[in-house]
Structure formats: structure tokens, C-alpha cells
Amino acid sequence: MKSTGIIRRVDELGRVVIPIEIRNQFNIVEKDPIEIYVNGSSIILKKFEENCIFCGNTENLLSYNDRLICPECAKKIGALENDNKND
């Protein structure tokens, strides 16, 4: 992990302000969802990106039964369904 040298205090409501330089670097704007991860003693913030429920791909997603799936995984599922029909 690379240190930015920036230190922020947690306010009385538990909030921390992400500096504008970091928000610009990661294209984070007001109301963007942020995911929070814990890794050992570290807290990791990541801009949320919708992804395929199977492989994690974030491009060209399709919606199926209120879930997101990428074209590659959709093809694999289609192949499985065809194999099961032929048995």
C-alpha cells in the first residue's frame, strides 16, 4: 500500500472526508457508492462497480432475473443448458 501523507480525523458521526485530489484521481463524485472492505487491520475504500455475479467482469453486463451477468458467462450457461437438453 502506498501512503498519501494525508491524515483526516473522524468526526462525531463517524465520517471521514476523502480529499478532492483522491476523489478526482478515482473519478468519485457526490453520491457515488463506495464499498468498504476490511483486510486484517486495514480498512479499504473502493468505488463500487456493478459486476458479473460469476466472474466479476464489469463490462457489457446483461440483466437476468435482477442479477448482472457478462456475455461470456451467459454463453457458458447457455452451453450448459444445451448439454443438459441433449442428455
C-alpha atoms as a PDB file:
ATOM      1  CA  MET A   1       0.000   0.000   0.000  1.00  0.00           C
ATOM      2  CA  LYS A   2       1.222   3.496  -0.838  1.00  0.00           C
ATOM      3  CA  SER A   3       0.869   6.274   1.747  1.00  0.00           C
ATOM      4  CA  THR A   4      -0.554   9.590   0.531  1.00  0.00           C
ATOM      5  CA  GLY A   5       0.706  11.512   3.547  1.00  0.00           C
ATOM      6  CA  ILE A   6      -2.827  12.857   4.069  1.00  0.00           C
ATOM      7  CA  ILE A   7      -4.398  12.474   7.516  1.00  0.00           C
ATOM      8  CA  ARG A   8      -8.068  13.105   8.278  1.00  0.00           C
ATOM      9  CA  ARG A   9      -9.919  12.927  11.595  1.00  0.00           C
ATOM     10  CA  VAL A  10     -13.163  11.022  12.101  1.00  0.00           C
ATOM     11  CA  ASP A  11     -15.980  13.432  13.030  1.00  0.00           C
ATOM     12  CA  GLU A  12     -18.587  12.931  15.773  1.00  0.00           C
ATOM     13  CA  LEU A  13     -20.824  10.992  13.340  1.00  0.00           C
ATOM     14  CA  GLY A  14     -18.019   8.635  12.271  1.00  0.00           C
ATOM     15  CA  ARG A  15     -17.422  10.308   8.906  1.00  0.00           C
ATOM     16  CA  VAL A  16     -14.113  10.836   7.147  1.00  0.00           C
ATOM     17  CA  VAL A  17     -13.711  13.262   4.236  1.00  0.00           C
ATOM     18  CA  ILE A  18     -11.915  11.859   1.191  1.00  0.00           C
ATOM     19  CA  PRO A  19      -9.651  14.629  -0.132  1.00  0.00           C
ATOM     20  CA  ILE A  20     -10.573  16.145  -3.503  1.00  0.00           C
ATOM     21  CA  GLU A  21      -7.260  15.036  -5.047  1.00  0.00           C
ATOM     22  CA  ILE A  22      -8.072  11.389  -4.301  1.00  0.00           C
ATOM     23  CA  ARG A  23     -11.718  11.746  -5.404  1.00  0.00           C
ATOM     24  CA  ASN A  24     -10.539  13.238  -8.715  1.00  0.00           C
ATOM     25  CA  GLN A  25      -7.919  10.521  -9.193  1.00  0.00           C
ATOM     26  CA  PHE A  26     -10.564   7.788  -8.831  1.00  0.00           C
ATOM     27  CA  ASN A  27     -13.400   9.707 -10.517  1.00  0.00           C
ATOM     28  CA  ILE A  28     -15.534   9.726  -7.357  1.00  0.00           C
ATOM     29  CA  VAL A  29     -18.329  12.294  -7.345  1.00  0.00           C
ATOM     30  CA  GLU A  30     -21.029  13.216  -4.854  1.00  0.00           C
ATOM     31  CA  LYS A  31     -23.493  10.357  -4.169  1.00  0.00           C
ATOM     32  CA  ASP A  32     -21.219   7.662  -5.714  1.00  0.00           C
ATOM     33  CA  PRO A  33     -21.473   4.384  -3.781  1.00  0.00           C
ATOM     34  CA  ILE A  34     -18.280   3.310  -2.005  1.00  0.00           C
ATOM     35  CA  GLU A  35     -17.578  -0.269  -0.877  1.00  0.00           C
ATOM     36  CA  ILE A  36     -15.845  -0.846   2.449  1.00  0.00           C
ATOM     37  CA  TYR A  37     -13.509  -3.826   2.884  1.00  0.00           C
ATOM     38  CA  VAL A  38     -11.522  -4.995   5.882  1.00  0.00           C
ATOM     39  CA  ASN A  39      -8.156  -6.719   5.390  1.00  0.00           C
ATOM     40  CA  GLY A  40      -6.510  -7.548   8.702  1.00  0.00           C
ATOM     41  CA  SER A  41      -6.070  -4.212  10.447  1.00  0.00           C
ATOM     42  CA  SER A  42      -6.666  -2.181   7.260  1.00  0.00           C
ATOM     43  CA  ILE A  43      -9.874  -0.514   6.087  1.00  0.00           C
ATOM     44  CA  ILE A  44     -10.100  -0.297   2.300  1.00  0.00           C
ATOM     45  CA  LEU A  45     -12.475   2.033   0.438  1.00  0.00           C
ATOM     46  CA  LYS A  46     -13.286   1.243  -3.197  1.00  0.00           C
ATOM     47  CA  LYS A  47     -15.608   2.927  -5.653  1.00  0.00           C
ATOM     48  CA  PHE A  48     -18.451   0.464  -6.195  1.00  0.00           C
ATOM     49  CA  GLU A  49     -18.743  -1.030  -9.673  1.00  0.00           C
ATOM     50  CA  GLU A  50     -21.516  -3.382 -10.654  1.00  0.00           C
ATOM     51  CA  ASN A  51     -20.107  -6.687 -11.873  1.00  0.00           C
ATOM     52  CA  CYS A  52     -20.966 -10.137 -13.165  1.00  0.00           C
ATOM     53  CA  ILE A  53     -22.145 -12.370 -10.318  1.00  0.00           C
ATOM     54  CA  PHE A  54     -19.995 -15.228 -11.635  1.00  0.00           C
ATOM     55  CA  CYS A  55     -16.651 -13.797 -12.778  1.00  0.00           C
ATOM     56  CA  GLY A  56     -16.603 -10.171 -11.600  1.00  0.00           C
ATOM     57  CA  ASN A  57     -16.364  -8.658 -15.105  1.00  0.00           C
ATOM     58  CA  THR A  58     -17.638  -5.042 -15.184  1.00  0.00           C
ATOM     59  CA  GLU A  59     -18.160  -4.544 -18.932  1.00  0.00           C
ATOM     60  CA  ASN A  60     -21.196  -5.108 -21.205  1.00  0.00           C
ATOM     61  CA  LEU A  61     -23.333  -6.511 -18.397  1.00  0.00           C
ATOM     62  CA  LEU A  62     -26.743  -8.033 -19.046  1.00  0.00           C
ATOM     63  CA  SER A  63     -29.577  -8.159 -16.534  1.00  0.00           C
ATOM     64  CA  TYR A  64     -31.171 -11.549 -15.865  1.00  0.00           C
ATOM     65  CA  ASN A  65     -33.661 -12.073 -13.008  1.00  0.00           C
ATOM     66  CA  ASP A  66     -32.434  -8.858 -11.337  1.00  0.00           C
ATOM     67  CA  ARG A  67     -28.834 -10.114 -11.455  1.00  0.00           C
ATOM     68  CA  LEU A  68     -25.976  -8.921 -13.653  1.00  0.00           C
ATOM     69  CA  ILE A  69     -24.095 -11.330 -15.899  1.00  0.00           C
ATOM     70  CA  CYS A  70     -21.470 -10.780 -18.572  1.00  0.00           C
ATOM     71  CA  PRO A  71     -21.840 -12.109 -22.136  1.00  0.00           C
ATOM     72  CA  GLU A  72     -19.089 -14.709 -21.639  1.00  0.00           C
ATOM     73  CA  CYS A  73     -20.775 -16.270 -18.603  1.00  0.00           C
ATOM     74  CA  ALA A  74     -24.162 -16.114 -20.368  1.00  0.00           C
ATOM     75  CA  LYS A  75     -22.661 -18.157 -23.223  1.00  0.00           C
ATOM     76  CA  LYS A  76     -21.266 -20.715 -20.786  1.00  0.00           C
ATOM     77  CA  ILE A  77     -24.651 -21.063 -19.093  1.00  0.00           C
ATOM     78  CA  GLY A  78     -26.329 -21.394 -22.478  1.00  0.00           C
ATOM     79  CA  ALA A  79     -23.878 -24.178 -23.371  1.00  0.00           C
ATOM     80  CA  LEU A  80     -24.675 -25.965 -20.100  1.00  0.00           C
ATOM     81  CA  GLU A  81     -28.407 -25.753 -20.805  1.00  0.00           C
ATOM     82  CA  ASN A  82     -27.874 -27.148 -24.326  1.00  0.00           C
ATOM     83  CA  ASP A  83     -25.760 -30.016 -22.966  1.00  0.00           C
ATOM     84  CA  ASN A  84     -28.495 -30.897 -20.454  1.00  0.00           C
ATOM     85  CA  LYS A  85     -31.162 -30.901 -23.202  1.00  0.00           C
ATOM     86  CA  ASN A  86     -29.087 -33.311 -25.302  1.00  0.00           C
ATOM     87  CA  ASP A  87     -28.724 -35.847 -22.442  1.00  0.00           C
END
